[in-house]
Amino acid sequence: MMASPPPPCAGFRKLGVVSGQTKEGNTVKGTRLSLHSALQQTSTGIQSLDLLLGNGINLASSILFQELDRGEYSPVFARHFMSEGVTHGHIVVGVGERVSSWLENLPRPIELNTDMQPHAEDNLKIAWRYKRKIQSRFSHSYDLSQQRSLEELKNCRLFSKSDATYKDILQYVKTVVKENEDNVVRVVLDRPMYPIEDEAKFLRFHYNLRKITAQKNVVTLCIYPTQTLSDSVTFSLDQLYNYVLGVEALPRDKKSVFKDYHGILHIVKLDNMSSFTMPLHDVTDRFFKVQRKKFIIEKMHLPPDLSETVSRSTNASSTNCASSKGIDF
C-alpha cells in the first residue's frame, strides 16, 4: 500500500501568484500572505499605514479609529480604506450618516488617471498590460482632488434606515457577508447608533460584530468620538478591536514646531494575531500629513540647529577647554 504524499508546505508559493485562495481555488483580489505571520492581509489604502500595521491589515480583523477632536481627519482614513476596496473589486458596506457623502467623494488611484494612460491606437496593447499591472498591485496611492465615478461604485452597499436597531445592522452585514463568501467584504461604520443610550447593548453589538468579522474574508473599520464615551466603555471597546488608533488634529500655526504636519496618530493597540504578545514599537505616536497625492505617516524629527552662533560658541568653548587644561593620564 503506497503512502499518501505529504501536504504542500504553506510557507512557499509560486512567484507571481496572488495569495488568498477561495473554496473553488480562485484567488481573492487585493490580498496576499504576510511574510511574518503567514496570515492573509489586505491594504488599508494608505501605504504608510500598512507599514505601521505590519505591511497590511489581517483579514478577519477590525480596526477602530478614536476621534480625539472634532473628527476632521478620521474620514480621510475611511475614504482611503473604501476606495482601496473599490479598486480591487471588494464589497464595501457602509453604515452611518456620513458614509453616503464619503462614497460620493472617494479618491481615484493616481495610476488610473486618464492623463497617465496612452491614447494612441498603436499603444493599446501596452495600455492594456499597464492597466492589468496596476489592478494586480496590493496597495495604491490616491489623488484626493480626483473623485470616482458612480459606475465604479457598483460593489458598494449603503445601509440606510431611519429607525434601525443594533439587530438590523448586524443582520444586514451578516447577509452581505454570506452572499459574498468568495470576496473580501469591507465594513465601514461611522458612529453607529450614536449617541449611546444603553451601554450594555452597545458593547453587545460590537461583540457580535466581531463574531461576523472573524470570518475569513471580512475586515471592519469603525469610527467613534471616544471623548464622549465613559472610561469603562472605551476600555471594553478597545478590547473588542484588533487595531486601535487615535486621531488628533494639530493646530494650524505656522510658527509651531508641528507646522509641517496635520495631526497625530496615537497607537493605542496593535494586535498580533499569530502571537500571544503585542508587537513592541520604539514610540507610540506618529505624525501624519495629508497631501493631495500622498498620505504620509512618519515619526517626527526635529531639524538640527545648524546656526552659525551655536557652532562658533561650541568650537570656541572646546578650544578654550583644550588650551586651559592639560590631559592627565
C-alpha atoms as a PDB file:
ATOM      1  CA  MET A   1       0.000   0.000   0.000  1.00  0.00           C
ATOM      2  CA  MET A   2       1.544   3.297  -1.084  1.00  0.00           C
ATOM      3  CA  ALA A   3       1.797   6.099   1.436  1.00  0.00           C
ATOM      4  CA  SER A   4      -0.090   9.292   0.671  1.00  0.00           C
ATOM      5  CA  PRO A   5       2.102  12.223  -0.375  1.00  0.00           C
ATOM      6  CA  PRO A   6       2.829  14.867   2.261  1.00  0.00           C
ATOM      7  CA  PRO A   7       0.708  18.022   2.189  1.00  0.00           C
ATOM      8  CA  PRO A   8       2.254  21.021   0.439  1.00  0.00           C
ATOM      9  CA  CYS A   9       4.140  23.474   2.632  1.00  0.00           C
ATOM     10  CA  ALA A  10       2.109  26.593   3.392  1.00  0.00           C
ATOM     11  CA  GLY A  11       5.213  28.763   3.671  1.00  0.00           C
ATOM     12  CA  PHE A  12       6.060  28.595  -0.036  1.00  0.00           C
ATOM     13  CA  ARG A  13       4.048  29.655  -3.049  1.00  0.00           C
ATOM     14  CA  LYS A  14       4.665  30.156  -6.711  1.00  0.00           C
ATOM     15  CA  LEU A  15       6.091  33.527  -7.700  1.00  0.00           C
ATOM     16  CA  GLY A  16       3.621  35.893  -9.326  1.00  0.00           C
ATOM     17  CA  VAL A  17       0.567  34.233  -7.778  1.00  0.00           C
ATOM     18  CA  VAL A  18      -1.564  36.461  -5.549  1.00  0.00           C
ATOM     19  CA  SER A  19      -2.478  34.732  -2.316  1.00  0.00           C
ATOM     20  CA  GLY A  20      -5.957  34.408  -0.877  1.00  0.00           C
ATOM     21  CA  GLN A  21      -7.426  31.162  -2.155  1.00  0.00           C
ATOM     22  CA  THR A  22     -11.172  30.598  -2.039  1.00  0.00           C
ATOM     23  CA  LYS A  23     -13.041  27.304  -1.752  1.00  0.00           C
ATOM     24  CA  GLU A  24     -13.104  26.954  -5.544  1.00  0.00           C
ATOM     25  CA  GLY A  25      -9.362  27.637  -5.814  1.00  0.00           C
ATOM     26  CA  ASN A  26      -9.673  31.112  -7.332  1.00  0.00           C
ATOM     27  CA  THR A  27      -7.632  33.957  -5.947  1.00  0.00           C
ATOM     28  CA  VAL A  28      -9.132  36.858  -3.988  1.00  0.00           C
ATOM     29  CA  LYS A  29      -8.017  40.156  -5.457  1.00  0.00           C
ATOM     30  CA  GLY A  30      -6.167  42.596  -3.254  1.00  0.00           C
ATOM     31  CA  THR A  31      -4.858  40.056  -0.726  1.00  0.00           C
ATOM     32  CA  ARG A  32      -1.518  38.442  -0.010  1.00  0.00           C
ATOM     33  CA  LEU A  33       0.185  36.346   2.634  1.00  0.00           C
ATOM     34  CA  SER A  34       2.176  38.102   5.322  1.00  0.00           C
ATOM     35  CA  LEU A  35       5.862  37.223   5.311  1.00  0.00           C
ATOM     36  CA  HIS A  36       5.952  37.444   9.121  1.00  0.00           C
ATOM     37  CA  SER A  37       2.803  35.628  10.226  1.00  0.00           C
ATOM     38  CA  ALA A  38       1.648  33.735   7.090  1.00  0.00           C
ATOM     39  CA  LEU A  39      -1.773  35.343   7.587  1.00  0.00           C
ATOM     40  CA  GLN A  40      -3.815  36.710   4.726  1.00  0.00           C
ATOM     41  CA  GLN A  41      -3.726  40.510   4.507  1.00  0.00           C
ATOM     42  CA  THR A  42      -5.270  43.347   2.552  1.00  0.00           C
ATOM     43  CA  SER A  43      -4.347  47.012   2.258  1.00  0.00           C
ATOM     44  CA  THR A  44      -5.874  49.927   4.148  1.00  0.00           C
ATOM     45  CA  GLY A  45      -5.423  52.202   1.119  1.00  0.00           C
ATOM     46  CA  ILE A  46      -2.586  54.117   2.818  1.00  0.00           C
ATOM     47  CA  GLN A  47       0.830  52.600   2.202  1.00  0.00           C
ATOM     48  CA  SER A  48       2.484  54.181   5.243  1.00  0.00           C
ATOM     49  CA  LEU A  49      -0.356  52.899   7.460  1.00  0.00           C
ATOM     50  CA  ASP A  50       0.079  49.397   6.014  1.00  0.00           C
ATOM     51  CA  LEU A  51       3.733  49.521   7.007  1.00  0.00           C
ATOM     52  CA  LEU A  52       2.798  50.582  10.541  1.00  0.00           C
ATOM     53  CA  LEU A  53       0.260  47.747  10.931  1.00  0.00           C
ATOM     54  CA  GLY A  54       2.641  45.062   9.663  1.00  0.00           C
ATOM     55  CA  ASN A  55       2.510  45.555   5.870  1.00  0.00           C
ATOM     56  CA  GLY A  56      -1.301  45.467   5.843  1.00  0.00           C
ATOM     57  CA  ILE A  57      -4.371  44.635   7.892  1.00  0.00           C
ATOM     58  CA  ASN A  58      -5.104  40.962   8.506  1.00  0.00           C
ATOM     59  CA  LEU A  59      -8.332  39.535   7.180  1.00  0.00           C
ATOM     60  CA  ALA A  60     -10.895  38.596   9.854  1.00  0.00           C
ATOM     61  CA  SER A  61      -9.708  41.570  11.924  1.00  0.00           C
ATOM     62  CA  SER A  62     -11.059  45.018  12.765  1.00  0.00           C
ATOM     63  CA  ILE A  63      -9.617  48.485  13.258  1.00  0.00           C
ATOM     64  CA  LEU A  64     -11.032  51.247  15.458  1.00  0.00           C
ATOM     65  CA  PHE A  65     -10.271  54.935  14.914  1.00  0.00           C
ATOM     66  CA  GLN A  66     -10.793  57.068  18.003  1.00  0.00           C
ATOM     67  CA  GLU A  67     -11.718  60.657  17.208  1.00  0.00           C
ATOM     68  CA  LEU A  68      -9.887  62.728  19.807  1.00  0.00           C
ATOM     69  CA  ASP A  69     -11.064  66.046  18.363  1.00  0.00           C
ATOM     70  CA  ARG A  70     -13.790  67.335  16.059  1.00  0.00           C
ATOM     71  CA  GLY A  71     -13.251  64.441  13.629  1.00  0.00           C
ATOM     72  CA  GLU A  72     -11.560  66.309  10.796  1.00  0.00           C
ATOM     73  CA  TYR A  73      -9.152  63.641   9.531  1.00  0.00           C
ATOM     74  CA  SER A  74     -10.727  60.323  10.508  1.00  0.00           C
ATOM     75  CA  PRO A  75     -12.953  60.402   7.375  1.00  0.00           C
ATOM     76  CA  VAL A  76      -9.791  60.630   5.260  1.00  0.00           C
ATOM     77  CA  PHE A  77      -8.642  57.260   6.609  1.00  0.00           C
ATOM     78  CA  ALA A  78     -12.081  55.769   5.909  1.00  0.00           C
ATOM     79  CA  ARG A  79     -12.235  57.137   2.359  1.00  0.00           C
ATOM     80  CA  HIS A  80      -8.858  55.608   1.502  1.00  0.00           C
ATOM     81  CA  PHE A  81      -9.976  52.311   3.039  1.00  0.00           C
ATOM     82  CA  MET A  82     -13.177  52.277   0.985  1.00  0.00           C
ATOM     83  CA  SER A  83     -11.518  53.387  -2.234  1.00  0.00           C
ATOM     84  CA  GLU A  84      -8.923  50.618  -1.952  1.00  0.00           C
ATOM     85  CA  GLY A  85     -11.775  48.133  -1.769  1.00  0.00           C
ATOM     86  CA  VAL A  86     -13.393  49.625  -4.881  1.00  0.00           C
ATOM     87  CA  THR A  87     -10.073  49.381  -6.746  1.00  0.00           C
ATOM     88  CA  HIS A  88      -9.800  45.644  -6.047  1.00  0.00           C
ATOM     89  CA  GLY A  89     -13.481  44.919  -6.616  1.00  0.00           C
ATOM     90  CA  HIS A  90     -14.191  44.193  -2.937  1.00  0.00           C
ATOM     91  CA  ILE A  91     -17.642  44.553  -1.418  1.00  0.00           C
ATOM     92  CA  VAL A  92     -17.848  47.802   0.586  1.00  0.00           C
ATOM     93  CA  VAL A  93     -20.598  48.071   3.214  1.00  0.00           C
ATOM     94  CA  GLY A  94     -21.216  51.499   4.731  1.00  0.00           C
ATOM     95  CA  VAL A  95     -23.188  52.234   7.904  1.00  0.00           C
ATOM     96  CA  GLY A  96     -23.549  55.757   9.285  1.00  0.00           C
ATOM     97  CA  GLU A  97     -24.744  59.257   8.469  1.00  0.00           C
ATOM     98  CA  ARG A  98     -21.510  60.492   6.848  1.00  0.00           C
ATOM     99  CA  VAL A  99     -20.789  57.352   4.820  1.00  0.00           C
ATOM    100  CA  SER A 100     -23.018  58.424   1.904  1.00  0.00           C
ATOM    101  CA  SER A 101     -21.030  61.640   1.467  1.00  0.00           C
ATOM    102  CA  TRP A 102     -17.783  59.654   1.662  1.00  0.00           C
ATOM    103  CA  LEU A 103     -18.944  57.399  -1.164  1.00  0.00           C
ATOM    104  CA  GLU A 104     -19.588  60.444  -3.315  1.00  0.00           C
ATOM    105  CA  ASN A 105     -16.042  61.713  -2.709  1.00  0.00           C
ATOM    106  CA  LEU A 106     -13.877  58.605  -2.905  1.00  0.00           C
ATOM    107  CA  PRO A 107     -10.392  59.449  -4.260  1.00  0.00           C
ATOM    108  CA  ARG A 108      -9.219  57.901  -7.507  1.00  0.00           C
ATOM    109  CA  PRO A 109      -5.985  55.918  -7.807  1.00  0.00           C
ATOM    110  CA  ILE A 110      -3.219  58.027  -9.279  1.00  0.00           C
ATOM    111  CA  GLU A 111      -2.219  55.280 -11.714  1.00  0.00           C
ATOM    112  CA  LEU A 112      -5.713  55.158 -13.254  1.00  0.00           C
ATOM    113  CA  ASN A 113      -5.922  58.851 -14.137  1.00  0.00           C
ATOM    114  CA  THR A 114      -6.567  59.422 -17.822  1.00  0.00           C
ATOM    115  CA  ASP A 115      -3.594  61.737 -18.239  1.00  0.00           C
ATOM    116  CA  MET A 116      -1.190  58.911 -17.386  1.00  0.00           C
ATOM    117  CA  GLN A 117      -2.556  56.353 -19.849  1.00  0.00           C
ATOM    118  CA  PRO A 118      -1.505  56.248 -23.517  1.00  0.00           C
ATOM    119  CA  HIS A 119      -4.226  57.143 -26.038  1.00  0.00           C
ATOM    120  CA  ALA A 120      -2.667  56.244 -29.370  1.00  0.00           C
ATOM    121  CA  GLU A 121      -4.032  53.218 -31.201  1.00  0.00           C
ATOM    122  CA  ASP A 122      -0.597  51.642 -31.548  1.00  0.00           C
ATOM    123  CA  ASN A 123      -0.251  51.726 -27.761  1.00  0.00           C
ATOM    124  CA  LEU A 124      -3.500  49.896 -26.946  1.00  0.00           C
ATOM    125  CA  LYS A 125      -1.662  46.679 -26.123  1.00  0.00           C
ATOM    126  CA  ILE A 126       0.732  48.497 -23.824  1.00  0.00           C
ATOM    127  CA  ALA A 127      -2.148  50.320 -22.122  1.00  0.00           C
ATOM    128  CA  TRP A 128      -3.982  47.038 -21.536  1.00  0.00           C
ATOM    129  CA  ARG A 129      -0.926  45.462 -19.941  1.00  0.00           C
ATOM    130  CA  TYR A 130      -0.320  48.615 -17.890  1.00  0.00           C
ATOM    131  CA  LYS A 131      -3.888  48.622 -16.528  1.00  0.00           C
ATOM    132  CA  ARG A 132      -3.667  44.922 -15.702  1.00  0.00           C
ATOM    133  CA  LYS A 133      -0.432  45.509 -13.807  1.00  0.00           C
ATOM    134  CA  ILE A 134      -1.952  48.398 -11.844  1.00  0.00           C
ATOM    135  CA  GLN A 135      -5.022  46.369 -10.811  1.00  0.00           C
ATOM    136  CA  SER A 136      -2.842  43.490  -9.600  1.00  0.00           C
ATOM    137  CA  ARG A 137      -0.964  45.698  -7.139  1.00  0.00           C
ATOM    138  CA  PHE A 138      -1.526  45.180  -3.426  1.00  0.00           C
ATOM    139  CA  SER A 139      -1.713  48.852  -2.412  1.00  0.00           C
ATOM    140  CA  HIS A 140      -2.266  52.092  -4.328  1.00  0.00           C
ATOM    141  CA  SER A 141      -1.747  55.820  -3.952  1.00  0.00           C
ATOM    142  CA  TYR A 142      -4.770  58.103  -4.284  1.00  0.00           C
ATOM    143  CA  ASP A 143      -5.383  61.615  -5.520  1.00  0.00           C
ATOM    144  CA  LEU A 144      -7.755  63.425  -3.183  1.00  0.00           C
ATOM    145  CA  SER A 145      -8.587  66.003  -5.853  1.00  0.00           C
ATOM    146  CA  GLN A 146      -9.905  63.326  -8.265  1.00  0.00           C
ATOM    147  CA  GLN A 147     -13.198  61.588  -7.468  1.00  0.00           C
ATOM    148  CA  ARG A 148     -14.511  58.241  -8.606  1.00  0.00           C
ATOM    149  CA  SER A 149     -17.482  57.981 -10.933  1.00  0.00           C
ATOM    150  CA  LEU A 150     -20.779  56.411  -9.890  1.00  0.00           C
ATOM    151  CA  GLU A 151     -20.184  53.490 -12.265  1.00  0.00           C
ATOM    152  CA  GLU A 152     -17.211  52.399 -10.178  1.00  0.00           C
ATOM    153  CA  LEU A 153     -19.340  52.070  -7.021  1.00  0.00           C
ATOM    154  CA  LYS A 154     -21.333  49.038  -8.173  1.00  0.00           C
ATOM    155  CA  ASN A 155     -19.928  46.878  -5.339  1.00  0.00           C
ATOM    156  CA  CYS A 156     -20.762  49.407  -2.617  1.00  0.00           C
ATOM    157  CA  ARG A 157     -23.676  48.790  -0.251  1.00  0.00           C
ATOM    158  CA  LEU A 158     -25.144  51.555   1.913  1.00  0.00           C
ATOM    159  CA  PHE A 159     -27.305  50.757   4.926  1.00  0.00           C
ATOM    160  CA  SER A 160     -29.891  53.485   5.327  1.00  0.00           C
ATOM    161  CA  LYS A 161     -32.762  53.029   7.731  1.00  0.00           C
ATOM    162  CA  SER A 162     -34.095  55.810   9.922  1.00  0.00           C
ATOM    163  CA  ASP A 163     -35.450  53.649  12.750  1.00  0.00           C
ATOM    164  CA  ALA A 164     -32.710  50.981  12.624  1.00  0.00           C
ATOM    165  CA  THR A 165     -31.694  48.935  15.642  1.00  0.00           C
ATOM    166  CA  TYR A 166     -28.488  47.114  16.507  1.00  0.00           C
ATOM    167  CA  LYS A 167     -30.077  43.885  15.331  1.00  0.00           C
ATOM    168  CA  ASP A 168     -30.975  45.403  11.941  1.00  0.00           C
ATOM    169  CA  ILE A 169     -27.386  46.500  11.301  1.00  0.00           C
ATOM    170  CA  LEU A 170     -25.944  43.118  12.287  1.00  0.00           C
ATOM    171  CA  GLN A 171     -28.464  41.243  10.160  1.00  0.00           C
ATOM    172  CA  TYR A 172     -27.713  43.428   7.134  1.00  0.00           C
ATOM    173  CA  VAL A 173     -23.939  42.978   7.450  1.00  0.00           C
ATOM    174  CA  LYS A 174     -24.330  39.237   8.032  1.00  0.00           C
ATOM    175  CA  THR A 175     -26.466  38.885   4.889  1.00  0.00           C
ATOM    176  CA  VAL A 176     -23.959  40.743   2.705  1.00  0.00           C
ATOM    177  CA  VAL A 177     -21.071  38.663   4.056  1.00  0.00           C
ATOM    178  CA  LYS A 178     -22.941  35.411   3.433  1.00  0.00           C
ATOM    179  CA  GLU A 179     -23.785  36.399  -0.146  1.00  0.00           C
ATOM    180  CA  ASN A 180     -20.137  37.255  -0.920  1.00  0.00           C
ATOM    181  CA  GLU A 181     -18.151  34.472   0.730  1.00  0.00           C
ATOM    182  CA  ASP A 182     -15.576  34.360  -2.080  1.00  0.00           C
ATOM    183  CA  ASN A 183     -14.779  38.061  -1.988  1.00  0.00           C
ATOM    184  CA  VAL A 184     -13.390  40.444   0.609  1.00  0.00           C
ATOM    185  CA  VAL A 185     -16.084  42.421   2.440  1.00  0.00           C
ATOM    186  CA  ARG A 186     -15.010  45.783   3.894  1.00  0.00           C
ATOM    187  CA  VAL A 187     -17.414  47.021   6.571  1.00  0.00           C
ATOM    188  CA  VAL A 188     -17.193  50.724   7.429  1.00  0.00           C
ATOM    189  CA  LEU A 189     -19.153  52.017  10.414  1.00  0.00           C
ATOM    190  CA  ASP A 190     -19.312  55.704  11.256  1.00  0.00           C
ATOM    191  CA  ARG A 191     -20.654  56.208  14.794  1.00  0.00           C
ATOM    192  CA  PRO A 192     -23.410  53.597  14.510  1.00  0.00           C
ATOM    193  CA  MET A 193     -26.360  54.212  16.844  1.00  0.00           C
ATOM    194  CA  TYR A 194     -24.741  57.320  18.318  1.00  0.00           C
ATOM    195  CA  PRO A 195     -25.305  58.794  20.902  1.00  0.00           C
ATOM    196  CA  ILE A 196     -25.311  55.730  23.121  1.00  0.00           C
ATOM    197  CA  GLU A 197     -28.472  55.100  25.108  1.00  0.00           C
ATOM    198  CA  ASP A 198     -27.719  51.660  26.544  1.00  0.00           C
ATOM    199  CA  GLU A 199     -24.051  50.811  27.167  1.00  0.00           C
ATOM    200  CA  ALA A 200     -24.740  47.089  27.584  1.00  0.00           C
ATOM    201  CA  LYS A 201     -26.485  46.846  24.209  1.00  0.00           C
ATOM    202  CA  PHE A 202     -23.769  48.980  22.663  1.00  0.00           C
ATOM    203  CA  LEU A 203     -20.980  46.624  23.764  1.00  0.00           C
ATOM    204  CA  ARG A 204     -23.046  43.560  22.853  1.00  0.00           C
ATOM    205  CA  PHE A 205     -23.450  44.986  19.346  1.00  0.00           C
ATOM    206  CA  HIS A 206     -19.682  45.343  18.868  1.00  0.00           C
ATOM    207  CA  TYR A 207     -19.106  41.882  20.304  1.00  0.00           C
ATOM    208  CA  ASN A 208     -21.488  40.354  17.740  1.00  0.00           C
ATOM    209  CA  LEU A 209     -19.883  42.493  15.036  1.00  0.00           C
ATOM    210  CA  ARG A 210     -16.533  40.980  15.928  1.00  0.00           C
ATOM    211  CA  LYS A 211     -18.009  37.497  15.532  1.00  0.00           C
ATOM    212  CA  ILE A 212     -19.085  38.399  11.997  1.00  0.00           C
ATOM    213  CA  THR A 213     -15.691  39.935  11.263  1.00  0.00           C
ATOM    214  CA  ALA A 214     -13.959  36.754  12.434  1.00  0.00           C
ATOM    215  CA  GLN A 215     -14.995  35.102   9.164  1.00  0.00           C
ATOM    216  CA  LYS A 216     -12.063  34.690   6.815  1.00  0.00           C
ATOM    217  CA  ASN A 217     -12.711  37.431   4.220  1.00  0.00           C
ATOM    218  CA  VAL A 218     -14.061  40.316   6.322  1.00  0.00           C
ATOM    219  CA  VAL A 219     -12.322  43.466   7.572  1.00  0.00           C
ATOM    220  CA  THR A 220     -14.100  46.115   9.648  1.00  0.00           C
ATOM    221  CA  LEU A 221     -13.292  49.791  10.183  1.00  0.00           C
ATOM    222  CA  CYS A 222     -15.179  51.721  12.865  1.00  0.00           C
ATOM    223  CA  ILE A 223     -15.010  55.376  13.934  1.00  0.00           C
ATOM    224  CA  TYR A 224     -16.129  56.738  17.301  1.00  0.00           C
ATOM    225  CA  PRO A 225     -15.575  60.012  19.209  1.00  0.00           C
ATOM    226  CA  THR A 226     -14.192  58.395  22.347  1.00  0.00           C
ATOM    227  CA  GLN A 227     -14.112  61.681  24.268  1.00  0.00           C
ATOM    228  CA  THR A 228     -17.858  61.383  24.763  1.00  0.00           C
ATOM    229  CA  LEU A 229     -17.654  57.767  25.989  1.00  0.00           C
ATOM    230  CA  SER A 230     -17.059  56.679  29.562  1.00  0.00           C
ATOM    231  CA  ASP A 231     -13.716  55.158  30.532  1.00  0.00           C
ATOM    232  CA  SER A 232     -15.230  51.729  31.094  1.00  0.00           C
ATOM    233  CA  VAL A 233     -16.919  51.679  27.669  1.00  0.00           C
ATOM    234  CA  THR A 234     -13.747  52.920  25.967  1.00  0.00           C
ATOM    235  CA  PHE A 235     -11.681  50.203  27.649  1.00  0.00           C
ATOM    236  CA  SER A 236     -14.144  47.463  26.690  1.00  0.00           C
ATOM    237  CA  LEU A 237     -14.396  48.774  23.135  1.00  0.00           C
ATOM    238  CA  ASP A 238     -10.605  48.703  22.739  1.00  0.00           C
ATOM    239  CA  GLN A 239     -10.558  45.050  23.762  1.00  0.00           C
ATOM    240  CA  LEU A 240     -13.017  44.106  21.012  1.00  0.00           C
ATOM    241  CA  TYR A 241     -10.898  45.528  18.167  1.00  0.00           C
ATOM    242  CA  ASN A 242      -7.602  44.219  16.859  1.00  0.00           C
ATOM    243  CA  TYR A 243      -6.160  47.623  15.978  1.00  0.00           C
ATOM    244  CA  VAL A 244      -6.971  50.828  17.863  1.00  0.00           C
ATOM    245  CA  LEU A 245      -5.642  54.188  16.639  1.00  0.00           C
ATOM    246  CA  GLY A 246      -6.384  57.654  17.986  1.00  0.00           C
ATOM    247  CA  VAL A 247      -6.620  60.537  15.503  1.00  0.00           C
ATOM    248  CA  GLU A 248      -5.916  64.058  16.753  1.00  0.00           C
ATOM    249  CA  ALA A 249      -5.670  67.181  14.602  1.00  0.00           C
ATOM    250  CA  LEU A 250      -2.863  69.669  15.235  1.00  0.00           C
ATOM    251  CA  PRO A 251      -3.443  73.441  15.442  1.00  0.00           C
ATOM    252  CA  ARG A 252      -2.620  75.238  12.220  1.00  0.00           C
ATOM    253  CA  ASP A 253       0.122  77.521  13.466  1.00  0.00           C
ATOM    254  CA  LYS A 254       2.915  78.476  11.053  1.00  0.00           C
ATOM    255  CA  LYS A 255       5.247  79.210  13.970  1.00  0.00           C
ATOM    256  CA  SER A 256       4.703  75.857  15.645  1.00  0.00           C
ATOM    257  CA  VAL A 257       7.218  73.010  15.593  1.00  0.00           C
ATOM    258  CA  PHE A 258       4.465  70.832  14.066  1.00  0.00           C
ATOM    259  CA  LYS A 259       3.712  73.221  11.192  1.00  0.00           C
ATOM    260  CA  ASP A 260       4.603  70.599   8.556  1.00  0.00           C
ATOM    261  CA  TYR A 261       2.116  68.061   9.971  1.00  0.00           C
ATOM    262  CA  HIS A 262      -1.676  67.960  10.100  1.00  0.00           C
ATOM    263  CA  GLY A 263      -2.254  65.594  13.017  1.00  0.00           C
ATOM    264  CA  ILE A 264      -1.037  62.939  15.437  1.00  0.00           C
ATOM    265  CA  LEU A 265      -1.808  59.237  15.139  1.00  0.00           C
ATOM    266  CA  HIS A 266      -1.807  57.685  18.621  1.00  0.00           C
ATOM    267  CA  ILE A 267      -1.052  53.963  18.596  1.00  0.00           C
ATOM    268  CA  VAL A 268      -3.310  52.533  21.284  1.00  0.00           C
ATOM    269  CA  LYS A 269      -3.276  48.870  20.243  1.00  0.00           C
ATOM    270  CA  LEU A 270      -1.645  46.797  17.518  1.00  0.00           C
ATOM    271  CA  ASP A 271      -2.805  43.211  17.667  1.00  0.00           C
ATOM    272  CA  ASN A 272      -0.517  40.372  16.593  1.00  0.00           C
ATOM    273  CA  MET A 273      -2.926  37.595  15.651  1.00  0.00           C
ATOM    274  CA  SER A 274      -0.186  34.961  15.335  1.00  0.00           C
ATOM    275  CA  SER A 275       1.348  35.531  18.765  1.00  0.00           C
ATOM    276  CA  PHE A 276       0.308  35.818  22.408  1.00  0.00           C
ATOM    277  CA  THR A 277       2.151  39.128  22.830  1.00  0.00           C
ATOM    278  CA  MET A 278       1.646  42.522  21.228  1.00  0.00           C
ATOM    279  CA  PRO A 279       4.348  43.924  18.927  1.00  0.00           C
ATOM    280  CA  LEU A 280       6.613  46.465  20.593  1.00  0.00           C
ATOM    281  CA  HIS A 281       7.461  49.790  18.968  1.00  0.00           C
ATOM    282  CA  ASP A 282      10.036  52.374  19.902  1.00  0.00           C
ATOM    283  CA  VAL A 283       7.438  55.185  20.011  1.00  0.00           C
ATOM    284  CA  THR A 284       3.695  55.149  20.459  1.00  0.00           C
ATOM    285  CA  ASP A 285       2.808  58.182  18.357  1.00  0.00           C
ATOM    286  CA  ARG A 286       3.189  59.025  14.695  1.00  0.00           C
ATOM    287  CA  PHE A 287       2.598  62.269  12.860  1.00  0.00           C
ATOM    288  CA  PHE A 288       0.727  62.438   9.576  1.00  0.00           C
ATOM    289  CA  LYS A 289       0.333  64.964   6.808  1.00  0.00           C
ATOM    290  CA  VAL A 290      -2.343  64.854   4.155  1.00  0.00           C
ATOM    291  CA  GLN A 291      -1.091  65.790   0.717  1.00  0.00           C
ATOM    292  CA  ARG A 292      -3.102  65.869  -2.479  1.00  0.00           C
ATOM    293  CA  LYS A 293      -1.450  62.761  -3.904  1.00  0.00           C
ATOM    294  CA  LYS A 294       0.022  61.133  -0.832  1.00  0.00           C
ATOM    295  CA  PHE A 295      -0.909  60.369   2.773  1.00  0.00           C
ATOM    296  CA  ILE A 296       2.261  60.252   4.858  1.00  0.00           C
ATOM    297  CA  ILE A 297       2.593  58.766   8.350  1.00  0.00           C
ATOM    298  CA  GLU A 298       6.031  59.049   9.915  1.00  0.00           C
ATOM    299  CA  LYS A 299       7.998  59.813  13.040  1.00  0.00           C
ATOM    300  CA  MET A 300       8.562  63.467  13.721  1.00  0.00           C
ATOM    301  CA  HIS A 301      12.207  64.502  13.609  1.00  0.00           C
ATOM    302  CA  LEU A 302      13.208  67.940  14.826  1.00  0.00           C
ATOM    303  CA  PRO A 303      15.556  69.700  12.384  1.00  0.00           C
ATOM    304  CA  PRO A 304      19.151  70.069  13.656  1.00  0.00           C
ATOM    305  CA  ASP A 305      20.207  73.516  14.833  1.00  0.00           C
ATOM    306  CA  LEU A 306      22.961  74.472  12.412  1.00  0.00           C
ATOM    307  CA  SER A 307      23.062  78.213  13.048  1.00  0.00           C
ATOM    308  CA  GLU A 308      26.462  79.930  12.980  1.00  0.00           C
ATOM    309  CA  THR A 309      26.217  81.235  16.562  1.00  0.00           C
ATOM    310  CA  VAL A 310      25.755  77.756  18.019  1.00  0.00           C
ATOM    311  CA  SER A 311      28.604  76.229  16.038  1.00  0.00           C
ATOM    312  CA  ARG A 312      31.003  79.070  16.831  1.00  0.00           C
ATOM    313  CA  SER A 313      30.238  79.051  20.530  1.00  0.00           C
ATOM    314  CA  THR A 314      30.702  75.296  20.655  1.00  0.00           C
ATOM    315  CA  ASN A 315      34.010  75.474  18.831  1.00  0.00           C
ATOM    316  CA  ALA A 316      35.211  78.333  20.995  1.00  0.00           C
ATOM    317  CA  SER A 317      34.360  76.583  24.235  1.00  0.00           C
ATOM    318  CA  SER A 318      36.024  73.361  23.139  1.00  0.00           C
ATOM    319  CA  THR A 319      39.183  75.271  22.114  1.00  0.00           C
ATOM    320  CA  ASN A 320      39.380  77.153  25.415  1.00  0.00           C
ATOM    321  CA  CYS A 321      38.969  73.959  27.397  1.00  0.00           C
ATOM    322  CA  ALA A 322      41.695  72.216  25.442  1.00  0.00           C
ATOM    323  CA  SER A 323      44.136  75.123  25.834  1.00  0.00           C
ATOM    324  CA  SER A 324      43.487  75.834  29.512  1.00  0.00           C
ATOM    325  CA  LYS A 325      43.637  72.273  30.793  1.00  0.00           C
ATOM    326  CA  GLY A 326      46.027  69.554  30.022  1.00  0.00           C
ATOM    327  CA  ILE A 327      45.076  65.932  29.746  1.00  0.00           C
ATOM    328  CA  ASP A 328      46.239  63.768  32.635  1.00  0.00           C
ATOM    329  CA  PHE A 329      46.872  60.087  32.086  1.00  0.00           C
END
